[in-house]
Amino acid sequence: MTLNYLRQLWMLSIFCFALNVHAQSTGKDTKVTIGDTAMEICEEPDEMPVYTGGPAALMSYLKNSLKYPKTAQEMFVEGRVFVSYVVDEEGKTTNIKPIGFDDCRETEDKSIPQLALEKRMAKKKMKPAAQEAYMEAIRELMIESIRIISQMPKAEKPAMKDGKPVCCRMALPINFRIR
């Protein structure tokens, strides 16, 4: 086996593991309102949504669709944005929101970019202008992550519970690495 093949196999297994681990509901919301419609979220579907081509095609879509935000690239800001979303009964992606950046999760009093900045500042002194630019770079990474998920192809088959289509909460890590 070639090194490239092994690397792809490893990335696919990590992606599938992340998809399974993060696909479970956080338990915070069991209902989501989109427009005028309230949707019940199934926390433990019998079958997860299926995308045309499977996880490999979904991973390829994410990789090929990613556009590294200019500010983040110029500042060499890298990391992993975790994005939560709902796949409805028709397989459409809705209710998209960033839920973390690397190991930072939003709290009641601090945003994800603020927490990431604090961790970075603990390692390295940053001037106020650089701090604001760093926070903006992380916001850009989150906006790009939302864009990618919002344009993701519709699931070929939605999540199923007892043979019926259901809404389910999913999450994906979007990796930003400068090569």
Protein backbone atom coordinates (compact mmCIF):
# COMPACT_ATOMS: atom_id res chain seq x y z
CA MET A 1 0.00 0.00 0.00
CA THR A 2 1.18 3.47 -0.78
CA LEU A 3 1.62 6.16 1.82
CA ASN A 4 -1.03 8.34 0.13
CA TYR A 5 -3.56 5.48 0.24
CA LEU A 6 -2.84 4.87 3.93
CA ARG A 7 -3.16 8.58 4.67
CA GLN A 8 -6.55 8.70 2.88
CA LEU A 9 -7.72 5.60 4.73
CA TRP A 10 -6.63 7.11 8.04
CA MET A 11 -8.40 10.42 7.27
CA LEU A 12 -11.57 8.55 6.27
CA SER A 13 -11.55 6.55 9.51
CA ILE A 14 -11.00 9.72 11.57
CA PHE A 15 -13.82 11.43 9.66
CA CYS A 16 -16.19 8.49 10.22
CA PHE A 17 -15.26 8.36 13.91
CA ALA A 18 -15.83 12.12 14.27
CA LEU A 19 -19.12 11.84 12.41
CA ASN A 20 -20.31 9.10 14.75
CA VAL A 21 -19.02 10.70 17.94
CA HIS A 22 -20.32 14.18 17.15
CA ALA A 23 -23.57 13.04 15.58
CA GLN A 24 -25.17 12.43 18.95
CA SER A 25 -27.33 15.16 20.39
CA THR A 26 -25.79 17.26 23.10
CA GLY A 27 -28.99 16.91 25.10
CA LYS A 28 -29.42 20.70 25.20
CA ASP A 29 -32.18 20.92 22.59
CA THR A 30 -34.72 18.30 21.62
CA LYS A 31 -36.68 20.82 19.56
CA VAL A 32 -35.53 23.28 16.95
CA THR A 33 -37.58 26.05 15.36
CA ILE A 34 -36.83 26.92 11.77
CA GLY A 35 -38.96 29.80 10.51
CA ASP A 36 -42.48 28.94 11.64
CA THR A 37 -41.84 25.21 11.92
CA ALA A 38 -40.90 23.46 15.17
CA MET A 39 -38.97 20.23 14.63
CA GLU A 40 -38.52 17.43 17.14
CA ILE A 41 -34.93 16.18 17.22
CA CYS A 42 -34.40 12.44 17.54
CA GLU A 43 -31.44 11.96 19.86
CA GLU A 44 -30.84 8.32 19.01
CA PRO A 45 -31.99 7.43 15.48
CA ASP A 46 -31.82 3.80 14.39
CA GLU A 47 -30.02 4.89 11.21
CA MET A 48 -27.97 8.03 10.61
CA PRO A 49 -28.45 10.15 7.46
CA VAL A 50 -26.81 8.73 4.33
CA TYR A 51 -25.14 10.97 1.75
CA THR A 52 -24.65 9.99 -1.88
CA GLY A 53 -21.23 8.40 -2.11
CA GLY A 54 -21.03 7.89 1.67
CA PRO A 55 -18.55 9.46 4.08
CA ALA A 56 -15.75 9.52 1.49
CA ALA A 57 -17.81 11.68 -0.89
CA LEU A 58 -18.84 13.98 1.95
CA MET A 59 -15.21 14.34 3.03
CA SER A 60 -14.20 15.09 -0.57
CA TYR A 61 -16.91 17.76 -0.80
CA LEU A 62 -15.66 19.41 2.40
CA LYS A 63 -12.03 19.30 1.27
CA ASN A 64 -12.76 20.70 -2.20
CA SER A 65 -15.18 23.39 -0.99
CA LEU A 66 -12.98 24.88 1.72
CA LYS A 67 -11.80 28.43 1.04
CA TYR A 68 -9.27 29.56 3.62
CA PRO A 69 -10.28 33.03 4.85
CA LYS A 70 -7.71 35.68 3.91
CA THR A 71 -7.21 37.18 7.39
CA ALA A 72 -6.79 33.76 9.00
CA GLN A 73 -4.32 32.72 6.32
CA GLU A 74 -2.29 35.94 6.62
CA MET A 75 -2.10 35.50 10.40
CA PHE A 76 -1.32 31.76 10.11
CA VAL A 77 -4.38 30.91 12.24
CA GLU A 78 -5.04 27.18 12.07
CA GLY A 79 -7.48 25.00 13.95
CA ARG A 80 -10.60 22.90 13.92
CA VAL A 81 -14.07 24.45 13.93
CA PHE A 82 -16.85 22.15 15.15
CA VAL A 83 -20.17 22.88 13.48
CA SER A 84 -23.53 21.59 14.67
CA TYR A 85 -26.46 21.23 12.28
CA VAL A 86 -29.77 19.43 11.89
CA VAL A 87 -30.66 17.07 9.06
CA ASP A 88 -34.44 17.24 8.67
CA GLU A 89 -36.85 14.50 7.56
CA GLU A 90 -36.23 15.38 3.91
CA GLY A 91 -32.43 15.27 4.25
CA LYS A 92 -31.97 19.06 4.17
CA THR A 93 -29.34 20.71 6.34
CA THR A 94 -30.71 23.37 8.72
CA ASN A 95 -29.96 25.11 12.04
CA ILE A 96 -26.21 25.44 11.39
CA LYS A 97 -24.03 26.93 14.12
CA PRO A 98 -20.41 26.74 15.25
CA ILE A 99 -20.07 25.02 18.60
CA GLY A 100 -16.32 25.12 19.12
CA PHE A 101 -12.85 26.02 17.94
CA ASP A 102 -10.22 23.44 18.86
CA ASP A 103 -10.90 22.86 22.57
CA CYS A 104 -12.81 26.13 23.12
CA ARG A 105 -16.57 25.94 23.63
CA GLU A 106 -18.77 29.01 24.02
CA THR A 107 -19.82 29.81 27.59
CA GLU A 108 -22.46 32.16 28.94
CA ASP A 109 -20.02 35.02 29.32
CA LYS A 110 -17.38 34.34 26.64
CA SER A 111 -17.51 33.64 22.93
CA ILE A 112 -15.48 30.97 21.17
CA PRO A 113 -13.06 33.56 19.67
CA GLN A 114 -12.54 35.19 23.09
CA LEU A 115 -11.68 31.84 24.71
CA ALA A 116 -9.33 30.93 21.86
CA LEU A 117 -7.63 34.31 22.24
CA GLU A 118 -7.16 33.80 25.97
CA LYS A 119 -5.52 30.41 25.38
CA ARG A 120 -3.26 31.88 22.71
CA MET A 121 -2.34 34.84 24.92
CA ALA A 122 -1.40 32.50 27.74
CA LYS A 123 1.37 31.24 25.43
CA LYS A 124 2.29 34.49 23.73
CA LYS A 125 1.85 38.19 24.50
CA MET A 126 -0.31 39.93 21.90
CA LYS A 127 -0.96 43.64 21.47
CA PRO A 128 -4.62 44.82 21.42
CA ALA A 129 -4.69 45.28 17.63
CA ALA A 130 -3.30 41.77 17.13
CA GLN A 131 -5.86 40.40 19.59
CA GLU A 132 -8.76 41.88 17.62
CA ALA A 133 -7.28 40.61 14.33
CA TYR A 134 -6.87 37.12 15.84
CA MET A 135 -10.50 37.09 17.03
CA GLU A 136 -11.63 38.27 13.57
CA ALA A 137 -9.61 35.47 11.95
CA ILE A 138 -11.37 32.87 14.11
CA ARG A 139 -14.76 34.44 13.29
CA GLU A 140 -13.87 34.14 9.59
CA LEU A 141 -13.05 30.44 10.06
CA MET A 142 -16.44 29.94 11.71
CA ILE A 143 -18.25 31.81 8.91
CA GLU A 144 -16.47 29.68 6.29
CA SER A 145 -17.43 26.52 8.19
CA ILE A 146 -21.09 27.58 8.21
CA ARG A 147 -20.90 28.35 4.47
CA ILE A 148 -19.52 24.89 3.67
CA ILE A 149 -22.15 23.08 5.74
CA SER A 150 -24.99 25.24 4.37
CA GLN A 151 -24.03 24.30 0.81
CA MET A 152 -23.54 20.63 1.62
CA PRO A 153 -25.52 18.29 -0.63
CA LYS A 154 -28.86 17.07 0.68
CA ALA A 155 -28.70 13.69 2.41
CA GLU A 156 -29.85 10.96 0.07
CA LYS A 157 -31.60 9.29 2.98
CA PRO A 158 -32.53 11.09 6.24
CA ALA A 159 -32.06 9.61 9.71
CA MET A 160 -34.59 6.88 10.51
CA LYS A 161 -36.28 5.83 13.74
CA ASP A 162 -38.70 2.89 13.77
CA GLY A 163 -38.78 2.96 9.95
CA LYS A 164 -39.80 6.63 9.76
CA PRO A 165 -37.67 9.64 8.72
CA VAL A 166 -36.71 11.89 11.64
CA CYS A 167 -34.70 15.05 12.27
CA CYS A 168 -31.33 14.49 13.87
CA ARG A 169 -28.56 16.73 15.14
CA MET A 170 -25.14 16.22 13.62
CA ALA A 171 -21.75 17.86 14.03
CA LEU A 172 -18.65 17.90 11.90
CA PRO A 173 -15.12 19.13 12.49
CA ILE A 174 -13.86 21.44 9.75
CA ASN A 175 -10.06 21.46 9.74
CA PHE A 176 -8.16 24.57 8.70
CA ARG A 177 -4.48 23.88 8.02
CA ILE A 178 -2.07 26.00 6.01
CA ARG A 179 0.05 23.74 3.84
